[in-house]
Amino acid sequence: MDEVFAHYTLALIAGFVLAKWFVENVDFHLRTKKVWLHHWILAALAMCVLYFFEIFTPVIWGALCGIALEGLVRKNWSLRRES
């Protein structure tokens, strides 16, 4: 197994677990009356910035991927906030 793939995979799992723990235990939200910036959106934006600056560290990408995936498997993950 390639070492880079192992680092990416372990970081993905760690990112998923840490995001799940954070969302369920910390009451912190970035939202307005109409828009809700979920953690999967923030992770995806961070990935775009990393890609733009050509930063391809497997551990960082794995962690951000885990964070994004954890948010996407939740029931309510849309950008528009429902009242």
PDB file of N, CA and C in Angstrom:
ATOM      1  N   MET A   1       0.853  -1.179   0.000  1.00  0.00           N
ATOM      2  CA  MET A   1       0.000   0.000   0.000  1.00  0.00           C
ATOM      3  C   MET A   1       0.898   1.242   0.000  1.00  0.00           C
ATOM      4  N   ASP A   2       0.520   2.177  -0.783  1.00  0.00           N
ATOM      5  CA  ASP A   2       1.262   3.423  -0.874  1.00  0.00           C
ATOM      6  C   ASP A   2       1.090   4.238   0.408  1.00  0.00           C
ATOM      7  N   GLU A   3       2.160   4.785   0.910  1.00  0.00           N
ATOM      8  CA  GLU A   3       2.127   5.563   2.159  1.00  0.00           C
ATOM      9  C   GLU A   3       1.222   6.789   2.047  1.00  0.00           C
ATOM     10  N   VAL A   4       1.227   7.442   0.902  1.00  0.00           N
ATOM     11  CA  VAL A   4       0.394   8.627   0.696  1.00  0.00           C
ATOM     12  C   VAL A   4      -1.089   8.261   0.796  1.00  0.00           C
ATOM     13  N   PHE A   5      -1.467   7.159   0.175  1.00  0.00           N
ATOM     14  CA  PHE A   5      -2.861   6.710   0.237  1.00  0.00           C
ATOM     15  C   PHE A   5      -3.257   6.365   1.669  1.00  0.00           C
ATOM     16  N   ALA A   6      -2.342   5.750   2.414  1.00  0.00           N
ATOM     17  CA  ALA A   6      -2.621   5.408   3.812  1.00  0.00           C
ATOM     18  C   ALA A   6      -2.853   6.669   4.634  1.00  0.00           C
ATOM     19  N   HIS A   7      -2.023   7.693   4.430  1.00  0.00           N
ATOM     20  CA  HIS A   7      -2.198   8.957   5.166  1.00  0.00           C
ATOM     21  C   HIS A   7      -3.527   9.612   4.812  1.00  0.00           C
ATOM     22  N   TYR A   8      -3.851   9.621   3.519  1.00  0.00           N
ATOM     23  CA  TYR A   8      -5.114  10.204   3.074  1.00  0.00           C
ATOM     24  C   TYR A   8      -6.307   9.476   3.708  1.00  0.00           C
ATOM     25  N   THR A   9      -6.273   8.168   3.673  1.00  0.00           N
ATOM     26  CA  THR A   9      -7.389   7.368   4.185  1.00  0.00           C
ATOM     27  C   THR A   9      -7.574   7.548   5.688  1.00  0.00           C
ATOM     28  N   LEU A  10      -6.479   7.517   6.424  1.00  0.00           N
ATOM     29  CA  LEU A  10      -6.575   7.718   7.879  1.00  0.00           C
ATOM     30  C   LEU A  10      -7.068   9.120   8.205  1.00  0.00           C
ATOM     31  N   ALA A  11      -6.618  10.116   7.454  1.00  0.00           N
ATOM     32  CA  ALA A  11      -7.078  11.491   7.675  1.00  0.00           C
ATOM     33  C   ALA A  11      -8.550  11.632   7.329  1.00  0.00           C
ATOM     34  N   LEU A  12      -9.008  10.923   6.291  1.00  0.00           N
ATOM     35  CA  LEU A  12     -10.416  10.962   5.919  1.00  0.00           C
ATOM     36  C   LEU A  12     -11.283  10.439   7.063  1.00  0.00           C
ATOM     37  N   ILE A  13     -10.886   9.313   7.618  1.00  0.00           N
ATOM     38  CA  ILE A  13     -11.641   8.738   8.738  1.00  0.00           C
ATOM     39  C   ILE A  13     -11.603   9.671   9.942  1.00  0.00           C
ATOM     40  N   ALA A  14     -10.433  10.215  10.249  1.00  0.00           N
ATOM     41  CA  ALA A  14     -10.297  11.133  11.394  1.00  0.00           C
ATOM     42  C   ALA A  14     -11.140  12.394  11.178  1.00  0.00           C
ATOM     43  N   GLY A  15     -11.119  12.938   9.969  1.00  0.00           N
ATOM     44  CA  GLY A  15     -11.920  14.126   9.669  1.00  0.00           C
ATOM     45  C   GLY A  15     -13.403  13.857   9.827  1.00  0.00           C
ATOM     46  N   PHE A  16     -13.853  12.702   9.364  1.00  0.00           N
ATOM     47  CA  PHE A  16     -15.256  12.320   9.490  1.00  0.00           C
ATOM     48  C   PHE A  16     -15.649  12.210  10.963  1.00  0.00           C
ATOM     49  N   VAL A  17     -14.832  11.506  11.743  1.00  0.00           N
ATOM     50  CA  VAL A  17     -15.127  11.291  13.164  1.00  0.00           C
ATOM     51  C   VAL A  17     -15.107  12.614  13.930  1.00  0.00           C
ATOM     52  N   LEU A  18     -14.098  13.437  13.682  1.00  0.00           N
ATOM     53  CA  LEU A  18     -14.014  14.724  14.389  1.00  0.00           C
ATOM     54  C   LEU A  18     -15.167  15.648  14.016  1.00  0.00           C
ATOM     55  N   ALA A  19     -15.546  15.662  12.745  1.00  0.00           N
ATOM     56  CA  ALA A  19     -16.691  16.488  12.329  1.00  0.00           C
ATOM     57  C   ALA A  19     -17.970  16.007  12.998  1.00  0.00           C
ATOM     58  N   LYS A  20     -18.157  14.696  13.040  1.00  0.00           N
ATOM     59  CA  LYS A  20     -19.358  14.131  13.681  1.00  0.00           C
ATOM     60  C   LYS A  20     -19.398  14.514  15.157  1.00  0.00           C
ATOM     61  N   TRP A  21     -18.277  14.373  15.850  1.00  0.00           N
ATOM     62  CA  TRP A  21     -18.227  14.729  17.267  1.00  0.00           C
ATOM     63  C   TRP A  21     -18.507  16.215  17.447  1.00  0.00           C
ATOM     64  N   PHE A  22     -17.868  17.065  16.640  1.00  0.00           N
ATOM     65  CA  PHE A  22     -18.025  18.508  16.766  1.00  0.00           C
ATOM     66  C   PHE A  22     -19.475  18.926  16.552  1.00  0.00           C
ATOM     67  N   VAL A  23     -20.101  18.422  15.491  1.00  0.00           N
ATOM     68  CA  VAL A  23     -21.477  18.803  15.163  1.00  0.00           C
ATOM     69  C   VAL A  23     -22.440  18.378  16.267  1.00  0.00           C
ATOM     70  N   GLU A  24     -22.199  17.223  16.851  1.00  0.00           N
ATOM     71  CA  GLU A  24     -23.117  16.716  17.870  1.00  0.00           C
ATOM     72  C   GLU A  24     -22.855  17.269  19.267  1.00  0.00           C
ATOM     73  N   ASN A  25     -21.701  17.875  19.494  1.00  0.00           N
ATOM     74  CA  ASN A  25     -21.350  18.329  20.839  1.00  0.00           C
ATOM     75  C   ASN A  25     -21.112  19.823  20.991  1.00  0.00           C
ATOM     76  N   VAL A  26     -20.971  20.537  19.896  1.00  0.00           N
ATOM     77  CA  VAL A  26     -20.690  21.975  19.965  1.00  0.00           C
ATOM     78  C   VAL A  26     -21.799  22.715  19.240  1.00  0.00           C
ATOM     79  N   ASP A  27     -22.377  23.697  19.902  1.00  0.00           N
ATOM     80  CA  ASP A  27     -23.465  24.474  19.315  1.00  0.00           C
ATOM     81  C   ASP A  27     -22.882  25.721  18.648  1.00  0.00           C
ATOM     82  N   PHE A  28     -22.371  25.553  17.448  1.00  0.00           N
ATOM     83  CA  PHE A  28     -21.764  26.644  16.693  1.00  0.00           C
ATOM     84  C   PHE A  28     -22.295  26.593  15.266  1.00  0.00           C
ATOM     85  N   HIS A  29     -22.855  27.700  14.791  1.00  0.00           N
ATOM     86  CA  HIS A  29     -23.440  27.731  13.453  1.00  0.00           C
ATOM     87  C   HIS A  29     -23.063  29.019  12.741  1.00  0.00           C
ATOM     88  N   LEU A  30     -22.790  28.912  11.462  1.00  0.00           N
ATOM     89  CA  LEU A  30     -22.585  30.078  10.613  1.00  0.00           C
ATOM     90  C   LEU A  30     -23.813  30.178   9.723  1.00  0.00           C
ATOM     91  N   ARG A  31     -24.762  31.007  10.142  1.00  0.00           N
ATOM     92  CA  ARG A  31     -26.005  31.099   9.375  1.00  0.00           C
ATOM     93  C   ARG A  31     -26.642  32.473   9.529  1.00  0.00           C
ATOM     94  N   THR A  32     -27.461  32.791   8.545  1.00  0.00           N
ATOM     95  CA  THR A  32     -28.289  33.993   8.569  1.00  0.00           C
ATOM     96  C   THR A  32     -29.731  33.512   8.535  1.00  0.00           C
ATOM     97  N   LYS A  33     -30.655  34.437   8.318  1.00  0.00           N
ATOM     98  CA  LYS A  33     -32.062  34.037   8.246  1.00  0.00           C
ATOM     99  C   LYS A  33     -32.356  33.217   6.992  1.00  0.00           C
ATOM    100  N   LYS A  34     -31.524  33.360   5.942  1.00  0.00           N
ATOM    101  CA  LYS A  34     -31.793  32.669   4.688  1.00  0.00           C
ATOM    102  C   LYS A  34     -30.742  31.629   4.318  1.00  0.00           C
ATOM    103  N   VAL A  35     -29.516  31.791   4.772  1.00  0.00           N
ATOM    104  CA  VAL A  35     -28.424  30.919   4.347  1.00  0.00           C
ATOM    105  C   VAL A  35     -27.786  30.245   5.553  1.00  0.00           C
ATOM    106  N   TRP A  36     -27.452  28.980   5.370  1.00  0.00           N
ATOM    107  CA  TRP A  36     -26.785  28.215   6.417  1.00  0.00           C
ATOM    108  C   TRP A  36     -25.518  27.633   5.813  1.00  0.00           C
ATOM    109  N   LEU A  37     -24.358  28.070   6.323  1.00  0.00           N
ATOM    110  CA  LEU A  37     -23.091  27.533   5.832  1.00  0.00           C
ATOM    111  C   LEU A  37     -22.727  26.306   6.655  1.00  0.00           C
ATOM    112  N   HIS A  38     -23.114  25.168   6.153  1.00  0.00           N
ATOM    113  CA  HIS A  38     -22.821  23.906   6.817  1.00  0.00           C
ATOM    114  C   HIS A  38     -21.333  23.598   6.715  1.00  0.00           C
ATOM    115  N   HIS A  39     -20.871  22.686   7.556  1.00  0.00           N
ATOM    116  CA  HIS A  39     -19.443  22.360   7.563  1.00  0.00           C
ATOM    117  C   HIS A  39     -19.001  21.693   6.266  1.00  0.00           C
ATOM    118  N   TRP A  40     -19.899  21.026   5.569  1.00  0.00           N
ATOM    119  CA  TRP A  40     -19.500  20.422   4.296  1.00  0.00           C
ATOM    120  C   TRP A  40     -19.219  21.497   3.255  1.00  0.00           C
ATOM    121  N   ILE A  41     -19.951  22.610   3.331  1.00  0.00           N
ATOM    122  CA  ILE A  41     -19.718  23.726   2.406  1.00  0.00           C
ATOM    123  C   ILE A  41     -18.379  24.383   2.717  1.00  0.00           C
ATOM    124  N   LEU A  42     -18.109  24.590   3.992  1.00  0.00           N
ATOM    125  CA  LEU A  42     -16.840  25.199   4.388  1.00  0.00           C
ATOM    126  C   LEU A  42     -15.657  24.311   3.995  1.00  0.00           C
ATOM    127  N   ALA A  43     -15.807  23.005   4.159  1.00  0.00           N
ATOM    128  CA  ALA A  43     -14.743  22.077   3.763  1.00  0.00           C
ATOM    129  C   ALA A  43     -14.530  22.130   2.250  1.00  0.00           C
ATOM    130  N   ALA A  44     -15.609  22.174   1.489  1.00  0.00           N
ATOM    131  CA  ALA A  44     -15.498  22.245   0.029  1.00  0.00           C
ATOM    132  C   ALA A  44     -14.837  23.552  -0.410  1.00  0.00           C
ATOM    133  N   LEU A  45     -15.178  24.652   0.243  1.00  0.00           N
ATOM    134  CA  LEU A  45     -14.539  25.935  -0.063  1.00  0.00           C
ATOM    135  C   LEU A  45     -13.047  25.891   0.261  1.00  0.00           C
ATOM    136  N   ALA A  46     -12.701  25.270   1.383  1.00  0.00           N
ATOM    137  CA  ALA A  46     -11.296  25.129   1.741  1.00  0.00           C
ATOM    138  C   ALA A  46     -10.551  24.297   0.692  1.00  0.00           C
ATOM    139  N   MET A  47     -11.212  23.254   0.179  1.00  0.00           N
ATOM    140  CA  MET A  47     -10.600  22.443  -0.882  1.00  0.00           C
ATOM    141  C   MET A  47     -10.357  23.270  -2.138  1.00  0.00           C
ATOM    142  N   CYS A  48     -11.296  24.128  -2.476  1.00  0.00           N
ATOM    143  CA  CYS A  48     -11.122  24.993  -3.649  1.00  0.00           C
ATOM    144  C   CYS A  48      -9.921  25.918  -3.478  1.00  0.00           C
ATOM    145  N   VAL A  49      -9.781  26.480  -2.286  1.00  0.00           N
ATOM    146  CA  VAL A  49      -8.637  27.359  -2.006  1.00  0.00           C
ATOM    147  C   VAL A  49      -7.329  26.575  -2.102  1.00  0.00           C
ATOM    148  N   LEU A  50      -7.294  25.387  -1.499  1.00  0.00           N
ATOM    149  CA  LEU A  50      -6.092  24.558  -1.573  1.00  0.00           C
ATOM    150  C   LEU A  50      -5.751  24.207  -3.018  1.00  0.00           C
ATOM    151  N   TYR A  51      -6.758  23.878  -3.795  1.00  0.00           N
ATOM    152  CA  TYR A  51      -6.527  23.531  -5.194  1.00  0.00           C
ATOM    153  C   TYR A  51      -5.964  24.728  -5.956  1.00  0.00           C
ATOM    154  N   PHE A  52      -6.535  25.902  -5.711  1.00  0.00           N
ATOM    155  CA  PHE A  52      -6.074  27.123  -6.383  1.00  0.00           C
ATOM    156  C   PHE A  52      -4.608  27.398  -6.087  1.00  0.00           C
ATOM    157  N   PHE A  53      -4.225  27.220  -4.822  1.00  0.00           N
ATOM    158  CA  PHE A  53      -2.839  27.474  -4.422  1.00  0.00           C
ATOM    159  C   PHE A  53      -1.939  26.243  -4.600  1.00  0.00           C
ATOM    160  N   GLU A  54      -2.459  25.208  -5.241  1.00  0.00           N
ATOM    161  CA  GLU A  54      -1.718  23.984  -5.549  1.00  0.00           C
ATOM    162  C   GLU A  54      -1.101  23.337  -4.313  1.00  0.00           C
ATOM    163  N   ILE A  55      -1.913  23.246  -3.278  1.00  0.00           N
ATOM    164  CA  ILE A  55      -1.511  22.568  -2.044  1.00  0.00           C
ATOM    165  C   ILE A  55      -2.193  21.201  -2.052  1.00  0.00           C
ATOM    166  N   PHE A  56      -1.390  20.159  -2.148  1.00  0.00           N
ATOM    167  CA  PHE A  56      -1.941  18.820  -2.310  1.00  0.00           C
ATOM    168  C   PHE A  56      -1.465  17.859  -1.221  1.00  0.00           C
ATOM    169  N   THR A  57      -1.432  18.322   0.005  1.00  0.00           N
ATOM    170  CA  THR A  57      -1.026  17.487   1.131  1.00  0.00           C
ATOM    171  C   THR A  57      -2.125  16.463   1.418  1.00  0.00           C
ATOM    172  N   PRO A  58      -1.807  15.165   1.313  1.00  0.00           N
ATOM    173  CA  PRO A  58      -2.834  14.128   1.461  1.00  0.00           C
ATOM    174  C   PRO A  58      -3.579  14.161   2.794  1.00  0.00           C
ATOM    175  N   VAL A  59      -2.903  14.472   3.871  1.00  0.00           N
ATOM    176  CA  VAL A  59      -3.562  14.491   5.185  1.00  0.00           C
ATOM    177  C   VAL A  59      -4.603  15.605   5.246  1.00  0.00           C
ATOM    178  N   ILE A  60      -4.269  16.761   4.712  1.00  0.00           N
ATOM    179  CA  ILE A  60      -5.215  17.878   4.721  1.00  0.00           C
ATOM    180  C   ILE A  60      -6.417  17.561   3.829  1.00  0.00           C
ATOM    181  N   TRP A  61      -6.148  17.040   2.632  1.00  0.00           N
ATOM    182  CA  TRP A  61      -7.232  16.699   1.711  1.00  0.00           C
ATOM    183  C   TRP A  61      -8.111  15.589   2.277  1.00  0.00           C
ATOM    184  N   GLY A  62      -7.498  14.607   2.923  1.00  0.00           N
ATOM    185  CA  GLY A  62      -8.274  13.528   3.526  1.00  0.00           C
ATOM    186  C   GLY A  62      -9.180  14.030   4.634  1.00  0.00           C
ATOM    187  N   ALA A  63      -8.628  14.901   5.494  1.00  0.00           N
ATOM    188  CA  ALA A  63      -9.423  15.446   6.598  1.00  0.00           C
ATOM    189  C   ALA A  63     -10.592  16.274   6.069  1.00  0.00           C
ATOM    190  N   LEU A  64     -10.325  17.125   5.091  1.00  0.00           N
ATOM    191  CA  LEU A  64     -11.400  17.947   4.530  1.00  0.00           C
ATOM    192  C   LEU A  64     -12.448  17.094   3.817  1.00  0.00           C
ATOM    193  N   CYS A  65     -12.009  16.059   3.151  1.00  0.00           N
ATOM    194  CA  CYS A  65     -12.946  15.146   2.493  1.00  0.00           C
ATOM    195  C   CYS A  65     -13.832  14.447   3.536  1.00  0.00           C
ATOM    196  N   GLY A  66     -13.244  14.020   4.641  1.00  0.00           N
ATOM    197  CA  GLY A  66     -14.019  13.394   5.718  1.00  0.00           C
ATOM    198  C   GLY A  66     -15.028  14.345   6.312  1.00  0.00           C
ATOM    199  N   ILE A  67     -14.637  15.589   6.503  1.00  0.00           N
ATOM    200  CA  ILE A  67     -15.548  16.611   7.041  1.00  0.00           C
ATOM    201  C   ILE A  67     -16.715  16.833   6.075  1.00  0.00           C
ATOM    202  N   ALA A  68     -16.393  16.965   4.789  1.00  0.00           N
ATOM    203  CA  ALA A  68     -17.444  17.183   3.786  1.00  0.00           C
ATOM    204  C   ALA A  68     -18.390  15.988   3.706  1.00  0.00           C
ATOM    205  N   LEU A  69     -17.846  14.796   3.691  1.00  0.00           N
ATOM    206  CA  LEU A  69     -18.697  13.605   3.597  1.00  0.00           C
ATOM    207  C   LEU A  69     -19.596  13.450   4.822  1.00  0.00           C
ATOM    208  N   GLU A  70     -19.071  13.778   5.985  1.00  0.00           N
ATOM    209  CA  GLU A  70     -19.894  13.682   7.203  1.00  0.00           C
ATOM    210  C   GLU A  70     -21.096  14.610   7.098  1.00  0.00           C
ATOM    211  N   GLY A  71     -20.899  15.786   6.554  1.00  0.00           N
ATOM    212  CA  GLY A  71     -22.011  16.725   6.403  1.00  0.00           C
ATOM    213  C   GLY A  71     -23.014  16.296   5.358  1.00  0.00           C
ATOM    214  N   LEU A  72     -22.534  15.674   4.296  1.00  0.00           N
ATOM    215  CA  LEU A  72     -23.436  15.275   3.213  1.00  0.00           C
ATOM    216  C   LEU A  72     -24.305  14.079   3.566  1.00  0.00           C
ATOM    217  N   VAL A  73     -23.905  13.276   4.543  1.00  0.00           N
ATOM    218  CA  VAL A  73     -24.745  12.132   4.913  1.00  0.00           C
ATOM    219  C   VAL A  73     -25.834  12.523   5.909  1.00  0.00           C
ATOM    220  N   ARG A  74     -25.808  13.750   6.372  1.00  0.00           N
ATOM    221  CA  ARG A  74     -26.845  14.211   7.297  1.00  0.00           C
ATOM    222  C   ARG A  74     -28.138  14.503   6.550  1.00  0.00           C
ATOM    223  N   LYS A  75     -29.235  14.516   7.299  1.00  0.00           N
ATOM    224  CA  LYS A  75     -30.565  14.717   6.711  1.00  0.00           C
ATOM    225  C   LYS A  75     -30.725  16.122   6.122  1.00  0.00           C
ATOM    226  N   ASN A  76     -30.300  17.141   6.849  1.00  0.00           N
ATOM    227  CA  ASN A  76     -30.474  18.530   6.421  1.00  0.00           C
ATOM    228  C   ASN A  76     -29.114  19.113   6.066  1.00  0.00           C
ATOM    229  N   TRP A  77     -28.812  19.216   4.775  1.00  0.00           N
ATOM    230  CA  TRP A  77     -27.514  19.720   4.373  1.00  0.00           C
ATOM    231  C   TRP A  77     -27.588  20.793   3.297  1.00  0.00           C
ATOM    232  N   SER A  78     -28.760  21.343   3.038  1.00  0.00           N
ATOM    233  CA  SER A  78     -28.893  22.332   1.973  1.00  0.00           C
ATOM    234  C   SER A  78     -28.338  23.691   2.387  1.00  0.00           C
ATOM    235  N   LEU A  79     -28.060  24.525   1.397  1.00  0.00           N
ATOM    236  CA  LEU A  79     -27.538  25.865   1.637  1.00  0.00           C
ATOM    237  C   LEU A  79     -28.624  26.815   2.122  1.00  0.00           C
ATOM    238  N   ARG A  80     -29.822  26.676   1.545  1.00  0.00           N
ATOM    239  CA  ARG A  80     -30.925  27.550   1.962  1.00  0.00           C
ATOM    240  C   ARG A  80     -31.467  27.082   3.294  1.00  0.00           C
ATOM    241  N   ARG A  81     -31.688  28.024   4.167  1.00  0.00           N
ATOM    242  CA  ARG A  81     -32.203  27.710   5.496  1.00  0.00           C
ATOM    243  C   ARG A  81     -33.717  27.692   5.478  1.00  0.00           C
ATOM    244  N   GLU A  82     -34.274  26.605   5.975  1.00  0.00           N
ATOM    245  CA  GLU A  82     -35.723  26.504   6.082  1.00  0.00           C
ATOM    246  C   GLU A  82     -36.150  27.019   7.442  1.00  0.00           C
ATOM    247  N   SER A  83     -37.190  27.809   7.475  1.00  0.00           N
ATOM    248  CA  SER A  83     -37.648  28.431   8.727  1.00  0.00           C
ATOM    249  C   SER A  83     -38.215  27.440   9.694  1.00  0.00           C
TER     250      SER A  83
END
